[in-house]
Amino acid sequence: MCVSNVLFILTGSIAGYKACAAVSQFVQDGHVVRVVMTEAAQRFVGRATLEGLTGQPVATDLWEPGRAMEHISLTRWADVVVVCPATANTLNKLAAGLGDDLVGALFLARESGQPWLAAPAMNPAMWTHPATVAAVEKLQTWGVRFIEPGRGRTACGETGEGRMAEPENVVAAVEAALAKPAKRLKVLITSGGTAEPIDGVRVLTNTSTGATGARLARYFQRCGHDVTLLRARTAVAAPVREVTFGSYAELAEALRTRLSGGDCDVVIHAAAVGDFRIEAVKVAGEVQPTGRKLDSSAPLTLELAPQPKLLAVLKTWSPRPLMVVGFKLTNGSTREQGRQEALEQMEAGAVDLVVHNDLAEQREGVFPAMIYRRGEVAGVACADRQELAFHLEQLLNPT
């Protein structure tokens, strides 16, 4: 991601501590961050905290000596502006067009097309109040993008919608607003392992965590693409649009539904799909009914049958051209053996790119992989998941 200038506006909410976490993440990602704080915000978070996190002076007063033009210079400096947390009071003032403080003046002086985002944080009753609803609707017509608040227990002890989005969701939304890809792709990413029910409480599954799919989803969204993560319920989540699955059948149905609508450019099929389905569960030779918990003291026999390969049919489910990325996992294979298996996987024409990685080479923080493209013998080496995400985006969306 390119380094960008992020103008971060804090207003008075207990959720200010979450805003500090988002500011810190922006700085760690290499962005330059300037902070504006309302008077109320300073009652929750000190200026020194934000100056320490950003290494930049914090602006608080429209009338501060020597900084009278700050409301103009800061808007011209910023690539993106995010109001986080955004209180009901601030949203209503902005919608009314009031410029009697630094935040209001900044909004009135915004440049056409400049991304402004707001992460609301308030009591559920305040979020649903007609005044706030009307303010949000008006601000949206003026181009303000809202980072949807979450549902749960708020600081006042009440439960409902109004909790500020988590810091990672704020960062992802802002970085998506900043991104300008050569072409904005609609990307569907699968991740995690399928789970075939043995009885009412036990499943046949694998060791996939979904960490690769989650990393890819976050990176592609940061690059400005429209991303949906189709993940196993036990897999690592990501701050993107998500759909979950359990069994092979649920995954297949979810893929068919989304692809048949013709609303997908790319499928990155990183899910660890189980190779076998359970045909029958027998105890002492007798087939057991599904759903109930089986007696663990009795010998158990599972009859398994191979599952059809989902990767082979993905293109046939889409009414429009579809790029497909497959994954080939080996265990203890040489690089050449992995390359041959990847090339064989592409020969059938069902996939355009294959990512090969070997389980024996993986360890904490290390995920070496090779990307092979149809029609090419040499692959692209990736040292870890971050490099894998970078090279896949480049190959799928060349400039």
Protein backbone atom coordinates (compact mmCIF):
# COMPACT_ATOMS: atom_id res chain seq x y z
CA MET A 1 0.00 0.00 0.00
CA CYS A 2 1.15 3.54 -0.76
CA VAL A 3 1.81 5.90 2.13
CA SER A 4 -1.17 8.21 2.60
CA ASN A 5 -2.03 11.24 4.73
CA VAL A 6 -4.79 10.31 7.17
CA LEU A 7 -6.67 13.02 9.09
CA PHE A 8 -8.21 11.43 12.17
CA ILE A 9 -10.95 13.30 14.05
CA LEU A 10 -11.80 12.18 17.59
CA THR A 11 -15.02 13.31 19.24
CA GLY A 12 -16.18 12.81 22.82
CA SER A 13 -16.87 9.14 23.49
CA ILE A 14 -15.60 6.39 25.75
CA ALA A 15 -14.80 4.59 22.48
CA GLY A 16 -11.84 6.96 22.12
CA TYR A 17 -9.59 4.18 23.42
CA LYS A 18 -10.54 2.08 20.37
CA ALA A 19 -9.78 5.03 18.12
CA CYS A 20 -6.27 5.18 19.61
CA ALA A 21 -5.74 1.54 18.60
CA ALA A 22 -6.81 2.38 15.03
CA VAL A 23 -4.47 5.39 14.93
CA SER A 24 -1.60 3.20 16.09
CA GLN A 25 -2.31 0.65 13.37
CA PHE A 26 -2.34 3.33 10.66
CA VAL A 27 1.07 4.55 11.81
CA GLN A 28 2.42 0.98 11.91
CA ASP A 29 1.17 0.48 8.35
CA GLY A 30 3.31 3.42 7.25
CA HIS A 31 0.68 6.16 6.90
CA VAL A 32 1.20 9.73 8.13
CA VAL A 33 -1.52 10.57 10.65
CA ARG A 34 -2.64 13.96 11.95
CA VAL A 35 -5.24 14.13 14.71
CA VAL A 36 -7.97 16.65 15.46
CA MET A 37 -9.74 16.43 18.84
CA THR A 38 -12.92 18.12 20.01
CA GLU A 39 -13.05 19.60 23.50
CA ALA A 40 -15.21 16.67 24.63
CA ALA A 41 -12.74 14.14 23.19
CA GLN A 42 -10.00 15.54 25.41
CA ARG A 43 -12.06 14.55 28.46
CA PHE A 44 -11.59 10.89 27.45
CA VAL A 45 -8.12 10.81 25.80
CA GLY A 46 -5.18 13.12 26.41
CA ARG A 47 -3.48 15.07 23.63
CA ALA A 48 -0.14 13.61 24.69
CA THR A 49 -1.40 10.11 23.91
CA LEU A 50 -2.20 11.00 20.30
CA GLU A 51 0.97 13.02 19.84
CA GLY A 52 2.95 10.06 21.13
CA LEU A 53 1.19 7.65 18.76
CA THR A 54 1.52 9.82 15.66
CA GLY A 55 4.63 11.92 16.27
CA GLN A 56 2.57 14.89 15.05
CA PRO A 57 1.01 17.88 16.85
CA VAL A 58 -2.68 17.54 17.72
CA ALA A 59 -5.11 20.25 16.59
CA THR A 60 -7.96 21.14 18.97
CA ASP A 61 -8.97 24.79 18.53
CA LEU A 62 -10.24 26.72 15.54
CA TRP A 63 -8.85 29.90 17.14
CA GLU A 64 -5.42 28.69 18.24
CA PRO A 65 -2.84 31.47 17.62
CA GLY A 66 -0.75 30.88 14.51
CA ARG A 67 -3.06 28.13 13.24
CA ALA A 68 -6.10 30.08 12.09
CA MET A 69 -6.02 28.48 8.63
CA GLU A 70 -5.73 24.92 9.96
CA HIS A 71 -9.22 24.06 8.74
CA ILE A 72 -8.06 24.77 5.19
CA SER A 73 -4.51 23.44 5.32
CA LEU A 74 -5.46 20.15 6.99
CA THR A 75 -8.20 19.33 4.47
CA ARG A 76 -5.82 20.08 1.58
CA TRP A 77 -3.15 17.90 3.21
CA ALA A 78 -5.36 14.86 3.87
CA ASP A 79 -5.90 12.00 1.42
CA VAL A 80 -8.72 10.72 3.63
CA VAL A 81 -10.58 11.99 6.70
CA VAL A 82 -12.11 9.68 9.30
CA VAL A 83 -14.31 10.80 12.20
CA CYS A 84 -13.78 8.13 14.84
CA PRO A 85 -15.53 7.87 17.19
CA ALA A 86 -18.37 9.89 15.69
CA THR A 87 -20.92 10.93 18.32
CA ALA A 88 -24.59 11.78 17.71
CA ASN A 89 -23.81 15.41 18.55
CA THR A 90 -21.06 15.61 15.93
CA LEU A 91 -23.10 13.90 13.21
CA ASN A 92 -26.05 16.22 13.78
CA LYS A 93 -23.82 19.32 13.74
CA LEU A 94 -22.14 18.25 10.51
CA ALA A 95 -25.51 17.55 8.88
CA ALA A 96 -26.68 21.03 9.94
CA GLY A 97 -23.65 22.58 8.24
CA LEU A 98 -22.41 24.31 11.39
CA GLY A 99 -18.84 25.60 11.28
CA ASP A 100 -18.43 27.06 14.76
CA ASP A 101 -15.60 24.69 15.73
CA LEU A 102 -12.59 23.11 14.02
CA VAL A 103 -14.39 19.89 13.08
CA GLY A 104 -17.32 21.70 11.49
CA ALA A 105 -15.03 24.10 9.63
CA LEU A 106 -12.96 21.17 8.33
CA PHE A 107 -16.09 19.53 6.96
CA LEU A 108 -17.30 22.69 5.24
CA ALA A 109 -13.85 23.21 3.70
CA ARG A 110 -13.55 19.63 2.37
CA GLU A 111 -12.49 19.21 -1.23
CA SER A 112 -14.85 17.64 -3.75
CA GLY A 113 -14.34 13.88 -3.94
CA GLN A 114 -12.21 13.70 -0.81
CA PRO A 115 -13.11 10.52 1.12
CA TRP A 116 -14.76 11.22 4.47
CA LEU A 117 -15.65 8.28 6.69
CA ALA A 118 -17.43 8.16 10.03
CA ALA A 119 -17.42 5.42 12.67
CA PRO A 120 -20.48 6.10 14.88
CA ALA A 121 -20.32 5.38 18.62
CA MET A 122 -23.32 6.04 20.86
CA ASN A 123 -26.17 4.65 22.94
CA PRO A 124 -28.59 2.49 20.88
CA ALA A 125 -31.46 4.91 21.47
CA MET A 126 -29.34 7.81 20.23
CA TRP A 127 -28.34 5.85 17.11
CA THR A 128 -31.98 5.16 16.21
CA HIS A 129 -33.29 8.62 17.14
CA PRO A 130 -35.00 10.32 14.16
CA ALA A 131 -32.57 13.26 14.33
CA THR A 132 -29.54 10.96 14.05
CA VAL A 133 -31.15 8.82 11.34
CA ALA A 134 -31.92 11.95 9.31
CA ALA A 135 -28.39 13.29 9.84
CA VAL A 136 -26.82 10.04 8.64
CA GLU A 137 -29.03 9.99 5.55
CA LYS A 138 -28.14 13.60 4.70
CA LEU A 139 -24.42 13.05 5.23
CA GLN A 140 -24.53 9.99 3.00
CA THR A 141 -26.03 12.08 0.18
CA TRP A 142 -23.05 14.42 0.65
CA GLY A 143 -20.62 11.53 0.17
CA VAL A 144 -19.80 10.57 3.77
CA ARG A 145 -19.23 6.81 4.12
CA PHE A 146 -20.29 5.16 7.35
CA ILE A 147 -18.41 2.32 9.04
CA GLU A 148 -21.34 0.40 10.46
CA PRO A 149 -21.52 0.25 14.27
CA GLY A 150 -21.69 -3.11 15.97
CA ARG A 151 -24.39 -4.63 18.15
CA GLY A 152 -23.79 -5.52 21.77
CA ARG A 153 -23.35 -4.04 25.23
CA THR A 154 -22.56 -0.33 25.21
CA ALA A 155 -20.71 1.66 27.88
CA CYS A 156 -23.96 2.70 29.55
CA GLY A 157 -24.85 -0.94 30.13
CA GLU A 158 -27.62 -1.13 27.53
CA THR A 159 -27.53 -3.60 24.66
CA GLY A 160 -28.22 -2.81 21.02
CA GLU A 161 -26.69 -1.28 17.92
CA GLY A 162 -24.35 1.65 18.46
CA ARG A 163 -20.99 0.19 19.51
CA MET A 164 -18.12 1.65 17.53
CA ALA A 165 -16.67 -0.73 14.94
CA GLU A 166 -13.56 -2.59 16.04
CA PRO A 167 -10.23 -0.87 15.22
CA GLU A 168 -9.28 -3.43 12.57
CA ASN A 169 -12.60 -2.82 10.79
CA VAL A 170 -11.99 0.94 10.84
CA VAL A 171 -8.50 0.49 9.40
CA ALA A 172 -9.77 -1.88 6.69
CA ALA A 173 -12.56 0.51 5.66
CA VAL A 174 -10.24 3.52 5.44
CA GLU A 175 -7.59 1.63 3.50
CA ALA A 176 -10.24 0.37 1.07
CA ALA A 177 -11.36 3.98 0.53
CA LEU A 178 -7.75 4.97 -0.19
CA ALA A 179 -7.04 2.16 -2.63
CA LYS A 180 -7.15 2.79 -6.37
CA PRO A 181 -6.61 -0.57 -8.14
CA ALA A 182 -6.13 -0.74 -11.91
CA LYS A 183 -9.43 -2.62 -11.96
CA ARG A 184 -11.74 -3.23 -9.01
CA LEU A 185 -12.30 -6.97 -8.90
CA LYS A 186 -15.12 -8.86 -7.22
CA VAL A 187 -13.21 -11.53 -5.33
CA LEU A 188 -14.58 -14.60 -3.55
CA ILE A 189 -12.11 -16.29 -1.19
CA THR A 190 -12.73 -19.63 0.52
CA SER A 191 -10.87 -20.65 3.68
CA GLY A 192 -10.79 -23.14 6.52
CA GLY A 193 -11.61 -26.84 6.59
CA THR A 194 -14.88 -28.59 5.92
CA ALA A 195 -16.41 -30.70 8.70
CA GLU A 196 -18.47 -33.82 7.99
CA PRO A 197 -20.77 -34.82 10.87
CA ILE A 198 -20.18 -38.26 12.37
CA ASP A 199 -22.95 -37.89 14.96
CA GLY A 200 -24.63 -35.05 16.81
CA VAL A 201 -21.39 -33.76 18.38
CA ARG A 202 -18.45 -35.21 16.41
CA VAL A 203 -17.10 -34.29 12.98
CA LEU A 204 -14.51 -35.49 10.46
CA THR A 205 -12.34 -32.49 9.63
CA ASN A 206 -8.75 -31.33 9.06
CA THR A 207 -6.19 -29.01 10.64
CA SER A 208 -6.75 -25.96 8.41
CA THR A 209 -7.03 -22.71 10.40
CA GLY A 210 -8.09 -20.44 7.55
CA ALA A 211 -5.24 -18.03 8.32
CA THR A 212 -4.16 -17.84 4.67
CA GLY A 213 -7.63 -17.03 3.39
CA ALA A 214 -8.12 -14.37 6.06
CA ARG A 215 -4.81 -12.71 5.19
CA LEU A 216 -5.65 -12.74 1.48
CA ALA A 217 -9.12 -11.30 2.13
CA ARG A 218 -7.79 -8.41 4.18
CA TYR A 219 -5.06 -7.62 1.64
CA PHE A 220 -7.38 -7.65 -1.38
CA GLN A 221 -9.83 -5.39 0.44
CA ARG A 222 -7.00 -3.02 1.38
CA CYS A 223 -6.15 -2.87 -2.33
CA GLY A 224 -9.68 -1.64 -3.06
CA HIS A 225 -11.32 -4.83 -4.32
CA ASP A 226 -14.82 -6.03 -3.44
CA VAL A 227 -14.13 -9.07 -1.24
CA THR A 228 -16.31 -11.81 0.21
CA LEU A 229 -14.73 -14.39 2.52
CA LEU A 230 -16.48 -17.76 2.49
CA ARG A 231 -14.97 -19.37 5.58
CA ALA A 232 -15.46 -22.37 7.82
CA ARG A 233 -17.20 -21.47 11.07
CA THR A 234 -14.06 -22.39 13.02
CA ALA A 235 -11.68 -20.55 10.67
CA VAL A 236 -9.90 -17.24 11.29
CA ALA A 237 -12.18 -14.26 10.60
CA ALA A 238 -11.28 -11.09 8.68
CA PRO A 239 -12.75 -7.56 8.64
CA VAL A 240 -14.54 -8.13 5.31
CA ARG A 241 -17.95 -9.35 4.18
CA GLU A 242 -18.23 -12.96 5.40
CA VAL A 243 -20.35 -16.06 4.83
CA THR A 244 -19.70 -19.20 6.88
CA PHE A 245 -20.05 -22.90 6.12
CA GLY A 246 -19.66 -26.22 7.91
CA SER A 247 -19.81 -29.26 5.66
CA TYR A 248 -18.75 -29.89 2.06
CA ALA A 249 -22.40 -29.64 0.99
CA GLU A 250 -22.79 -26.20 2.62
CA LEU A 251 -19.61 -24.94 0.97
CA ALA A 252 -20.66 -26.26 -2.44
CA GLU A 253 -24.09 -24.67 -2.18
CA ALA A 254 -22.65 -21.32 -1.10
CA LEU A 255 -20.20 -21.35 -4.01
CA ARG A 256 -22.86 -22.33 -6.54
CA THR A 257 -25.24 -19.63 -5.31
CA ARG A 258 -22.67 -16.84 -5.52
CA LEU A 259 -21.11 -17.90 -8.79
CA SER A 260 -24.37 -18.58 -10.64
CA GLY A 261 -25.38 -14.96 -10.09
CA GLY A 262 -22.49 -13.89 -12.34
CA ASP A 263 -21.25 -11.43 -9.76
CA CYS A 264 -17.69 -12.71 -9.40
CA ASP A 265 -14.44 -12.02 -11.27
CA VAL A 266 -12.09 -14.19 -9.20
CA VAL A 267 -12.33 -17.19 -6.89
CA ILE A 268 -9.34 -17.88 -4.65
CA HIS A 269 -10.13 -21.38 -3.44
CA ALA A 270 -7.94 -21.68 -0.34
CA ALA A 271 -10.37 -23.82 1.65
CA ALA A 272 -9.17 -27.25 2.76
CA VAL A 273 -12.05 -29.30 1.36
CA GLY A 274 -12.40 -32.77 2.82
CA ASP A 275 -11.63 -35.52 0.28
CA PHE A 276 -14.16 -37.94 1.78
CA ARG A 277 -17.78 -37.89 2.85
CA ILE A 278 -19.27 -40.24 5.44
CA GLU A 279 -21.44 -42.85 3.76
CA ALA A 280 -22.38 -44.70 6.92
CA VAL A 281 -21.62 -44.83 10.63
CA LYS A 282 -21.78 -48.34 12.10
CA VAL A 283 -21.60 -49.66 15.64
CA ALA A 284 -21.19 -53.45 15.89
CA GLY A 285 -22.02 -53.65 12.18
CA GLU A 286 -25.32 -51.75 12.47
CA VAL A 287 -25.87 -48.42 10.73
CA GLN A 288 -26.54 -45.68 13.27
CA PRO A 289 -29.11 -42.89 12.89
CA THR A 290 -27.73 -39.39 12.38
CA GLY A 291 -28.11 -36.56 14.85
CA ARG A 292 -27.73 -38.24 18.23
CA LYS A 293 -24.50 -38.68 20.21
CA LEU A 294 -23.04 -42.16 19.81
CA ASP A 295 -21.82 -44.31 22.68
CA SER A 296 -18.05 -43.79 22.90
CA SER A 297 -17.42 -47.15 24.56
CA ALA A 298 -18.46 -49.20 21.53
CA PRO A 299 -16.24 -49.85 18.47
CA LEU A 300 -17.13 -47.49 15.64
CA THR A 301 -16.79 -48.03 11.88
CA LEU A 302 -16.91 -45.20 9.34
CA GLU A 303 -17.59 -45.95 5.70
CA LEU A 304 -16.13 -43.19 3.53
CA ALA A 305 -16.58 -42.26 -0.12
CA PRO A 306 -14.62 -39.70 -2.17
CA GLN A 307 -16.08 -36.23 -2.65
CA PRO A 308 -16.26 -34.61 -6.11
CA LYS A 309 -13.56 -31.97 -6.64
CA LEU A 310 -15.13 -28.52 -6.29
CA LEU A 311 -12.19 -26.89 -8.03
CA ALA A 312 -13.06 -28.71 -11.26
CA VAL A 313 -16.56 -27.22 -11.56
CA LEU A 314 -16.24 -23.63 -10.36
CA LYS A 315 -15.91 -22.16 -13.87
CA THR A 316 -18.98 -24.09 -15.06
CA TRP A 317 -21.11 -22.47 -12.34
CA SER A 318 -20.37 -18.93 -13.51
CA PRO A 319 -22.20 -17.48 -16.53
CA ARG A 320 -19.31 -15.07 -17.10
CA PRO A 321 -15.52 -15.51 -17.46
CA LEU A 322 -14.04 -16.44 -14.10
CA MET A 323 -10.44 -16.51 -12.91
CA VAL A 324 -9.80 -19.40 -10.50
CA VAL A 325 -6.86 -19.79 -8.12
CA GLY A 326 -6.36 -23.27 -6.71
CA PHE A 327 -4.15 -24.47 -3.85
CA LYS A 328 -2.04 -27.61 -3.83
CA LEU A 329 -0.84 -28.78 -0.42
CA THR A 330 1.84 -31.46 -0.18
CA ASN A 331 3.74 -32.89 2.76
CA GLY A 332 7.43 -33.66 2.38
CA SER A 333 7.55 -33.14 -1.40
CA THR A 334 10.42 -31.49 -3.23
CA ARG A 335 9.94 -28.18 -5.04
CA GLU A 336 10.04 -30.01 -8.39
CA GLN A 337 7.43 -32.54 -7.27
CA GLY A 338 5.19 -29.70 -6.15
CA ARG A 339 5.66 -27.91 -9.47
CA GLN A 340 4.69 -31.02 -11.42
CA GLU A 341 1.54 -31.52 -9.35
CA ALA A 342 0.60 -27.88 -9.82
CA LEU A 343 1.08 -28.07 -13.60
CA GLU A 344 -1.01 -31.24 -13.74
CA GLN A 345 -3.77 -29.47 -11.83
CA MET A 346 -3.79 -26.70 -14.47
CA GLU A 347 -3.79 -29.02 -17.48
CA ALA A 348 -7.50 -29.73 -17.17
CA GLY A 349 -8.21 -26.01 -17.64
CA ALA A 350 -10.28 -25.61 -14.47
CA VAL A 351 -7.77 -23.24 -12.81
CA ASP A 352 -5.65 -20.32 -13.98
CA LEU A 353 -3.19 -20.12 -11.07
CA VAL A 354 -2.07 -22.73 -8.56
CA VAL A 355 -0.45 -21.98 -5.22
CA HIS A 356 1.77 -24.83 -4.02
CA ASN A 357 2.91 -25.05 -0.42
CA ASP A 358 4.36 -27.93 1.56
CA LEU A 359 3.24 -28.67 5.11
CA ALA A 360 6.75 -29.77 6.13
CA GLU A 361 8.12 -26.29 5.36
CA GLN A 362 5.55 -24.41 7.42
CA ARG A 363 6.18 -23.15 10.93
CA GLU A 364 5.09 -20.20 13.06
CA GLY A 365 5.19 -17.04 10.93
CA VAL A 366 6.65 -18.87 7.92
CA PHE A 367 4.52 -19.87 4.95
CA PRO A 368 6.73 -20.44 1.88
CA ALA A 369 4.76 -20.95 -1.33
CA MET A 370 5.11 -20.98 -5.11
CA ILE A 371 2.57 -19.52 -7.54
CA TYR A 372 2.29 -21.19 -10.93
CA ARG A 373 0.40 -19.72 -13.87
CA ARG A 374 -1.09 -21.59 -16.79
CA GLY A 375 1.22 -21.60 -19.79
CA GLU A 376 4.33 -20.78 -17.76
CA VAL A 377 6.93 -23.21 -16.44
CA ALA A 378 8.62 -20.97 -13.86
CA GLY A 379 6.76 -19.97 -10.72
CA VAL A 380 6.77 -16.97 -8.39
CA ALA A 381 8.38 -17.63 -4.99
CA CYS A 382 6.70 -16.21 -1.87
CA ALA A 383 8.37 -16.23 1.54
CA ASP A 384 5.19 -15.73 3.57
CA ARG A 385 1.46 -15.01 3.37
CA GLN A 386 2.01 -11.27 2.88
CA GLU A 387 4.17 -11.88 -0.20
CA LEU A 388 1.66 -14.44 -1.43
CA ALA A 389 -1.14 -11.85 -1.19
CA PHE A 390 0.95 -9.21 -2.95
CA HIS A 391 1.94 -11.43 -5.88
CA LEU A 392 -1.56 -12.88 -6.34
CA GLU A 393 -3.06 -9.38 -6.52
CA GLN A 394 -0.43 -8.36 -9.06
CA LEU A 395 -1.02 -11.44 -11.22
CA LEU A 396 -4.81 -11.17 -11.10
CA ASN A 397 -4.94 -7.41 -11.62
CA PRO A 398 -1.92 -6.34 -13.72
CA THR A 399 -1.46 -2.62 -14.28
